[in-house]
Amino acid sequence: MQAEQKIYKYPYTYSLELGRELPGFELSYTTYGTRNDGDDNIVWICHALTGSSNAAEWWDGLVGDGKFFDPAKYFIICVNVIGSAYGSTGPLSIDPKTQQPFYRNFPLITVKDVVGTMEILRQELQIRRIKICIGGSLGGQQALEWAVEVPDLFEELILIASNALHSPWGVAFNESQRMAIEADPTYNDNNSEAGGMGLRAARSIALLSYRNYDTYNFTQARDNPDQIDDFRASSYQQYQGDKFVKRFNAFSYWILSKIMDSHNVGRNRGGIVHALGMVKAKTLVLGIKSDLLFPLSEQQFLARHIPDAVFQEIDSLYGHDGFLIEYKQLNQVIKAWQQTNGQLQIAKIG
């Protein structure tokens, strides 16, 4: 499979939902496969909080040669969201007004802003219709916002472990992570590694929301009943924090968590129920039974209010992270839904 990573440069001022502006922006995006003559084989993947445009890397059970989203069949595109750390304009980008990185001066971004930049790219690429738009978590929030904003764009919409409004519970988790970052005195420094120890702690907090009690009992069990220190759960949290700091930065993480908090498809649209009623795409909503961060009730709400949407529950030991892990179930349920032309309810699996 050949991936093509590209940069799209938008040279004009981009007005943000909260009133500030970006003096232009860049989007890093990756494509796989070839657009066919009818332009009816396009799959647009929206990534989650700390993902990149390389969907075949972080969703390798779904994207790749011989996988469900096979480049031999589809033209697949994934865009790194603005504010992120993987090539698109973000806090470490140069502010042309100061000729220095933005750092903490990067403006607050909303999901609507993220979708607006992708819509600009979509028009630049002259993509008239997208066969499938799919995303999990923050990726699902983007996909839903886009389907409401441009209702005729998607043929199929697949929302996984996501919601219509980011909950107070989700905001509280994000705020706790931002507090950890802000408690690191180096976060006030203007360098790319600032806030690293705070980011390390923030990632540890995040993992607790991505997994659950049973996950840790199974994967990080005590070595013996009498153990009093050096727990596997402790070393796991430390390891994941260290690993994350090597690939991300505190400024982008702070911004991305704010993007997630901003999610509300009903804002300025007459409320959430009215907004969901605007979706025209055939919609599959997937929820994970053990998800603590985006509980099933949020996906069930989406399916009730998106016209003719189908809801499907899957089970996973891994909680919210199941959308990145349970490839077999995801492949099975998406295939079954497509085979019924998005009309029939599917038997529970898992």
Protein backbone atom coordinates (compact mmCIF):
# COMPACT_ATOMS: atom_id res chain seq x y z
CA MET A 1 0.00 0.00 0.00
CA GLN A 2 1.37 3.36 -1.03
CA ALA A 3 0.48 6.33 1.15
CA GLU A 4 0.84 9.90 -0.05
CA GLN A 5 1.33 12.53 2.63
CA LYS A 6 0.67 16.07 1.49
CA ILE A 7 0.39 19.59 2.86
CA TYR A 8 -2.42 21.93 1.86
CA LYS A 9 -1.68 25.61 2.44
CA TYR A 10 -4.56 28.02 2.85
CA PRO A 11 -3.10 31.52 2.45
CA TYR A 12 -6.07 33.59 3.58
CA THR A 13 -7.27 34.71 7.00
CA TYR A 14 -9.50 32.07 8.54
CA SER A 15 -12.15 33.37 10.95
CA LEU A 16 -12.77 31.15 13.96
CA GLU A 17 -16.09 30.48 15.67
CA LEU A 18 -15.06 32.20 18.89
CA GLY A 19 -14.09 35.44 17.15
CA ARG A 20 -10.33 35.19 16.66
CA GLU A 21 -8.55 34.49 13.38
CA LEU A 22 -5.79 32.32 12.01
CA PRO A 23 -3.52 34.08 9.49
CA GLY A 24 -3.91 31.18 7.09
CA PHE A 25 -3.32 27.54 7.96
CA GLU A 26 -1.75 24.32 6.76
CA LEU A 27 -3.34 20.88 6.80
CA SER A 28 -1.30 17.71 6.70
CA TYR A 29 -3.26 14.93 5.04
CA THR A 30 -2.62 11.40 3.82
CA THR A 31 -4.30 9.55 0.98
CA TYR A 32 -4.33 5.91 -0.03
CA GLY A 33 -5.60 4.42 -3.28
CA THR A 34 -6.98 6.13 -6.39
CA ARG A 35 -10.15 8.11 -7.05
CA ASN A 36 -12.22 6.36 -9.67
CA ASP A 37 -13.80 8.10 -12.65
CA GLY A 38 -17.17 8.43 -10.98
CA ASP A 39 -15.60 9.82 -7.80
CA ASP A 40 -17.84 7.46 -5.83
CA ASN A 41 -15.21 5.49 -3.90
CA ILE A 42 -14.07 8.14 -1.43
CA VAL A 43 -13.70 7.32 2.27
CA TRP A 44 -12.91 10.19 4.65
CA ILE A 45 -11.56 9.11 8.03
CA CYS A 46 -11.62 11.58 10.93
CA HIS A 47 -9.02 10.84 13.59
CA ALA A 48 -9.41 10.96 17.37
CA LEU A 49 -7.74 13.20 19.94
CA THR A 50 -4.03 12.47 19.42
CA GLY A 51 -4.19 10.68 16.09
CA SER A 52 -2.40 11.63 12.89
CA SER A 53 -3.36 11.64 9.23
CA ASN A 54 -1.72 8.21 8.85
CA ALA A 55 -4.88 6.19 9.46
CA ALA A 56 -3.23 2.98 8.30
CA GLU A 57 -0.88 3.28 11.27
CA TRP A 58 -3.34 3.86 14.11
CA TRP A 59 -6.27 1.92 12.56
CA ASP A 60 -4.28 -0.82 10.89
CA GLY A 61 -7.01 -3.39 11.50
CA LEU A 62 -9.39 -1.46 9.24
CA VAL A 63 -7.17 0.41 6.76
CA GLY A 64 -4.71 -1.26 4.41
CA ASP A 65 -4.24 -3.89 1.75
CA GLY A 66 -6.89 -6.57 2.11
CA LYS A 67 -8.52 -4.75 5.03
CA PHE A 68 -12.08 -3.40 5.17
CA PHE A 69 -10.95 -0.03 3.81
CA ASP A 70 -8.73 -1.39 1.06
CA PRO A 71 -6.89 1.13 -1.15
CA ALA A 72 -7.50 -1.24 -4.06
CA LYS A 73 -11.20 -0.42 -3.69
CA TYR A 74 -11.37 2.99 -2.03
CA PHE A 75 -9.69 6.37 -2.21
CA ILE A 76 -9.05 7.01 1.47
CA ILE A 77 -8.20 10.39 2.97
CA CYS A 78 -7.41 11.42 6.53
CA VAL A 79 -6.54 14.95 7.66
CA ASN A 80 -4.58 15.95 10.74
CA VAL A 81 -6.76 18.48 12.57
CA ILE A 82 -5.59 22.04 13.14
CA GLY A 83 -4.12 22.43 16.61
CA SER A 84 -2.53 18.98 16.50
CA ALA A 85 1.11 17.93 16.56
CA TYR A 86 1.39 16.02 13.29
CA GLY A 87 1.94 18.56 10.56
CA SER A 88 -1.12 20.79 10.53
CA THR A 89 -1.03 24.34 11.89
CA GLY A 90 -0.84 24.25 15.67
CA PRO A 91 0.73 25.87 18.74
CA LEU A 92 4.28 25.10 17.60
CA SER A 93 3.69 26.68 14.17
CA ILE A 94 5.19 30.08 13.45
CA ASP A 95 2.89 33.05 14.02
CA PRO A 96 3.63 35.38 11.08
CA LYS A 97 2.87 38.39 13.29
CA THR A 98 5.68 37.60 15.71
CA GLN A 99 7.87 35.20 13.69
CA GLN A 100 7.83 32.96 16.78
CA PRO A 101 5.79 29.84 17.57
CA PHE A 102 2.29 30.49 18.92
CA TYR A 103 2.76 28.37 22.06
CA ARG A 104 0.03 29.41 24.55
CA ASN A 105 -1.15 32.21 22.24
CA PHE A 106 -2.67 29.76 19.78
CA PRO A 107 -6.39 30.62 19.55
CA LEU A 108 -9.09 28.35 20.91
CA ILE A 109 -10.49 26.10 18.19
CA THR A 110 -13.88 24.38 18.06
CA VAL A 111 -15.03 21.24 16.25
CA LYS A 112 -16.86 23.55 13.86
CA ASP A 113 -13.55 25.26 13.02
CA VAL A 114 -11.87 21.91 12.42
CA VAL A 115 -14.65 20.86 10.06
CA GLY A 116 -14.49 24.24 8.32
CA THR A 117 -10.85 23.71 7.42
CA MET A 118 -11.56 20.21 6.12
CA GLU A 119 -14.44 21.55 4.06
CA ILE A 120 -12.07 24.06 2.46
CA LEU A 121 -9.68 21.23 1.62
CA ARG A 122 -12.53 19.10 0.29
CA GLN A 123 -13.55 21.87 -2.10
CA GLU A 124 -9.92 22.44 -3.13
CA LEU A 125 -9.66 18.76 -4.02
CA GLN A 126 -12.93 19.05 -5.98
CA ILE A 127 -14.52 16.21 -4.07
CA ARG A 128 -18.24 16.49 -4.72
CA ARG A 129 -19.45 13.47 -2.79
CA ILE A 130 -18.01 11.26 -0.05
CA LYS A 131 -19.17 7.65 0.03
CA ILE A 132 -18.26 7.02 3.67
CA CYS A 133 -17.26 9.35 6.48
CA ILE A 134 -16.17 7.52 9.62
CA GLY A 135 -14.69 8.54 12.94
CA GLY A 136 -14.45 7.50 16.57
CA SER A 137 -14.46 9.69 19.67
CA LEU A 138 -13.33 13.21 18.61
CA GLY A 139 -13.28 11.83 15.07
CA GLY A 140 -16.96 10.97 15.39
CA GLN A 141 -17.67 14.47 16.68
CA GLN A 142 -16.04 15.91 13.57
CA ALA A 143 -17.90 13.56 11.24
CA LEU A 144 -21.24 14.39 12.86
CA GLU A 145 -20.63 18.14 12.79
CA TRP A 146 -19.76 17.89 9.09
CA ALA A 147 -22.83 15.79 8.29
CA VAL A 148 -25.03 18.42 9.93
CA GLU A 149 -23.22 21.36 8.30
CA VAL A 150 -23.21 19.87 4.77
CA PRO A 151 -26.07 17.33 4.78
CA ASP A 152 -25.81 16.26 1.14
CA LEU A 153 -22.08 15.47 1.24
CA PHE A 154 -22.04 11.93 2.66
CA GLU A 155 -23.68 8.77 1.43
CA GLU A 156 -22.84 6.84 4.62
CA LEU A 157 -21.93 8.12 8.07
CA ILE A 158 -20.36 5.85 10.70
CA LEU A 159 -20.04 7.26 14.23
CA ILE A 160 -18.15 5.20 16.80
CA ALA A 161 -18.05 5.86 20.56
CA SER A 162 -19.01 9.49 20.09
CA ASN A 163 -21.78 11.94 20.98
CA ALA A 164 -23.78 15.03 20.02
CA LEU A 165 -22.61 17.11 22.99
CA HIS A 166 -19.46 16.62 25.03
CA SER A 167 -20.65 15.76 28.52
CA PRO A 168 -19.76 17.45 31.82
CA TRP A 169 -18.10 14.13 32.70
CA GLY A 170 -15.89 14.36 29.61
CA VAL A 171 -15.13 18.02 30.22
CA ALA A 172 -14.13 17.20 33.81
CA PHE A 173 -11.64 14.58 32.64
CA ASN A 174 -10.18 17.05 30.16
CA GLU A 175 -9.99 19.82 32.75
CA SER A 176 -8.15 17.52 35.15
CA GLN A 177 -5.60 16.84 32.42
CA ARG A 178 -5.20 20.56 31.69
CA MET A 179 -4.72 21.19 35.41
CA ALA A 180 -1.89 18.65 35.42
CA ILE A 181 -0.24 20.42 32.49
CA GLU A 182 -0.67 23.85 34.06
CA ALA A 183 0.79 22.61 37.36
CA ASP A 184 4.07 22.00 35.57
CA PRO A 185 5.97 25.31 35.98
CA THR A 186 7.81 24.74 32.71
CA TYR A 187 4.52 25.10 30.84
CA ASN A 188 5.09 28.85 31.05
CA ASP A 189 8.30 28.48 29.04
CA ASN A 190 8.38 29.11 25.31
CA ASN A 191 9.93 25.92 24.01
CA SER A 192 8.59 22.78 22.40
CA GLU A 193 9.26 20.60 25.47
CA ALA A 194 7.54 22.89 27.97
CA GLY A 195 5.00 21.22 30.23
CA GLY A 196 6.41 17.77 29.55
CA MET A 197 6.03 16.41 33.08
CA GLY A 198 2.51 17.82 33.27
CA LEU A 199 1.69 16.20 29.93
CA ARG A 200 3.02 12.91 31.29
CA ALA A 201 0.60 13.11 34.22
CA ALA A 202 -2.24 14.23 31.95
CA ARG A 203 -1.81 11.14 29.81
CA SER A 204 -2.00 8.96 32.91
CA ILE A 205 -5.30 10.59 33.84
CA ALA A 206 -6.62 10.12 30.30
CA LEU A 207 -5.86 6.40 30.31
CA LEU A 208 -8.21 5.91 33.25
CA SER A 209 -11.07 7.27 31.15
CA TYR A 210 -10.08 5.28 28.06
CA ARG A 211 -10.01 1.95 29.91
CA ASN A 212 -11.91 0.73 33.00
CA TYR A 213 -11.76 -1.32 36.21
CA ASP A 214 -11.89 -4.68 34.42
CA THR A 215 -9.22 -3.68 31.92
CA TYR A 216 -6.68 -3.02 34.64
CA ASN A 217 -7.67 -6.11 36.62
CA PHE A 218 -6.92 -8.21 33.53
CA THR A 219 -3.89 -6.46 32.01
CA GLN A 220 -2.18 -5.03 35.11
CA ALA A 221 -2.97 -7.56 37.81
CA ARG A 222 -0.78 -7.84 40.91
CA ASP A 223 2.19 -10.16 40.56
CA ASN A 224 1.20 -11.79 43.86
CA PRO A 225 -1.47 -11.19 46.54
CA ASP A 226 1.05 -9.93 49.11
CA GLN A 227 2.65 -7.29 46.89
CA ILE A 228 2.95 -3.83 48.47
CA ASP A 229 4.96 -1.88 45.88
CA ASP A 230 6.25 -1.92 42.31
CA PHE A 231 2.82 -2.65 40.92
CA ARG A 232 2.35 -3.38 37.25
CA ALA A 233 -0.43 -0.78 37.12
CA SER A 234 2.02 1.85 38.41
CA SER A 235 4.74 1.01 35.90
CA TYR A 236 2.16 0.93 33.11
CA GLN A 237 0.98 4.46 33.89
CA GLN A 238 4.59 5.67 34.04
CA TYR A 239 5.46 3.94 30.77
CA GLN A 240 2.46 5.32 28.90
CA GLY A 241 3.19 8.84 30.15
CA ASP A 242 6.82 8.64 29.04
CA LYS A 243 5.85 7.19 25.68
CA PHE A 244 3.32 9.93 25.01
CA VAL A 245 5.67 12.81 25.86
CA LYS A 246 8.06 11.54 23.21
CA ARG A 247 5.47 11.93 20.45
CA PHE A 248 3.33 14.91 21.47
CA ASN A 249 3.50 18.36 23.06
CA ALA A 250 1.60 19.95 25.93
CA PHE A 251 0.39 22.96 23.94
CA SER A 252 -1.34 20.86 21.29
CA TYR A 253 -2.81 18.53 23.88
CA TRP A 254 -4.30 21.46 25.78
CA ILE A 255 -5.85 22.87 22.58
CA LEU A 256 -7.20 19.51 21.40
CA SER A 257 -8.90 18.87 24.73
CA LYS A 258 -10.60 22.25 24.39
CA ILE A 259 -11.73 21.33 20.88
CA MET A 260 -13.43 18.23 22.27
CA ASP A 261 -15.07 20.25 25.06
CA SER A 262 -16.54 22.63 22.45
CA HIS A 263 -18.55 19.91 20.73
CA ASN A 264 -22.27 20.70 20.53
CA VAL A 265 -23.99 20.11 17.19
CA GLY A 266 -27.03 22.03 18.41
CA ARG A 267 -25.19 25.32 18.95
CA ASN A 268 -26.81 28.03 16.82
CA ARG A 269 -28.94 25.40 15.10
CA GLY A 270 -32.04 25.39 17.28
CA GLY A 271 -30.85 22.68 19.64
CA ILE A 272 -29.33 19.22 19.41
CA VAL A 273 -32.45 17.30 18.39
CA HIS A 274 -33.16 19.72 15.56
CA ALA A 275 -29.56 19.54 14.37
CA LEU A 276 -29.48 15.74 14.35
CA GLY A 277 -32.65 15.77 12.28
CA MET A 278 -30.71 17.56 9.55
CA VAL A 279 -28.47 14.55 8.84
CA LYS A 280 -29.30 12.97 5.47
CA ALA A 281 -26.60 10.28 5.28
CA LYS A 282 -27.39 6.66 6.01
CA THR A 283 -26.02 6.45 9.52
CA LEU A 284 -24.59 3.67 11.65
CA VAL A 285 -23.92 4.50 15.30
CA LEU A 286 -21.63 2.17 17.23
CA GLY A 287 -21.29 2.15 21.00
CA ILE A 288 -19.02 0.17 23.32
CA LYS A 289 -20.70 -1.43 26.31
CA SER A 290 -17.75 -0.88 28.66
CA ASP A 291 -17.05 2.72 27.60
CA LEU A 292 -16.86 5.01 30.65
CA LEU A 293 -16.02 8.20 28.76
CA PHE A 294 -18.69 8.03 26.03
CA PRO A 295 -21.37 5.76 27.56
CA LEU A 296 -23.89 3.88 25.43
CA SER A 297 -26.66 6.32 26.31
CA GLU A 298 -24.89 8.96 24.19
CA GLN A 299 -24.81 6.74 21.09
CA GLN A 300 -28.39 5.61 21.68
CA PHE A 301 -29.42 9.28 21.75
CA LEU A 302 -27.73 9.84 18.39
CA ALA A 303 -29.47 6.86 16.83
CA ARG A 304 -32.88 7.94 18.14
CA HIS A 305 -32.67 11.40 16.64
CA ILE A 306 -30.71 10.93 13.39
CA PRO A 307 -33.30 9.94 10.78
CA ASP A 308 -33.32 6.18 10.12
CA ALA A 309 -30.04 5.65 11.97
CA VAL A 310 -29.05 2.16 13.11
CA PHE A 311 -27.52 1.64 16.55
CA GLN A 312 -25.18 -1.25 17.27
CA GLU A 313 -23.55 -2.18 20.56
CA ILE A 314 -20.25 -4.01 20.72
CA ASP A 315 -18.45 -5.30 23.77
CA SER A 316 -14.82 -4.87 24.68
CA LEU A 317 -12.57 -5.39 27.66
CA TYR A 318 -10.83 -2.15 26.71
CA GLY A 319 -13.55 0.43 27.27
CA HIS A 320 -13.44 3.53 25.10
CA ASP A 321 -10.20 2.37 23.50
CA GLY A 322 -12.17 -0.52 22.03
CA PHE A 323 -12.80 1.57 18.91
CA LEU A 324 -9.05 1.36 18.24
CA ILE A 325 -8.74 -2.33 19.13
CA GLU A 326 -11.86 -4.36 18.30
CA TYR A 327 -11.21 -4.65 14.58
CA LYS A 328 -13.00 -7.97 14.15
CA GLN A 329 -16.24 -6.66 15.62
CA LEU A 330 -16.01 -3.36 13.75
CA ASN A 331 -15.44 -5.14 10.45
CA GLN A 332 -18.30 -7.52 11.13
CA VAL A 333 -20.89 -4.94 12.09
CA ILE A 334 -20.04 -2.41 9.36
CA LYS A 335 -20.14 -5.14 6.72
CA ALA A 336 -23.49 -6.43 7.97
CA TRP A 337 -24.95 -2.91 8.03
CA GLN A 338 -23.83 -2.22 4.48
CA GLN A 339 -25.20 -5.52 3.26
CA THR A 340 -28.63 -4.56 4.59
CA ASN A 341 -28.33 -1.20 2.85
CA GLY A 342 -28.39 0.56 6.20
CA GLN A 343 -32.00 -0.41 6.82
CA LEU A 344 -32.10 -3.42 9.12
CA GLN A 345 -31.21 -3.65 12.77
CA ILE A 346 -28.34 -6.04 13.39
CA ALA A 347 -28.25 -8.74 16.04
CA LYS A 348 -26.03 -7.95 19.02
CA ILE A 349 -22.49 -9.22 18.63
CA GLY A 350 -19.45 -9.42 20.89
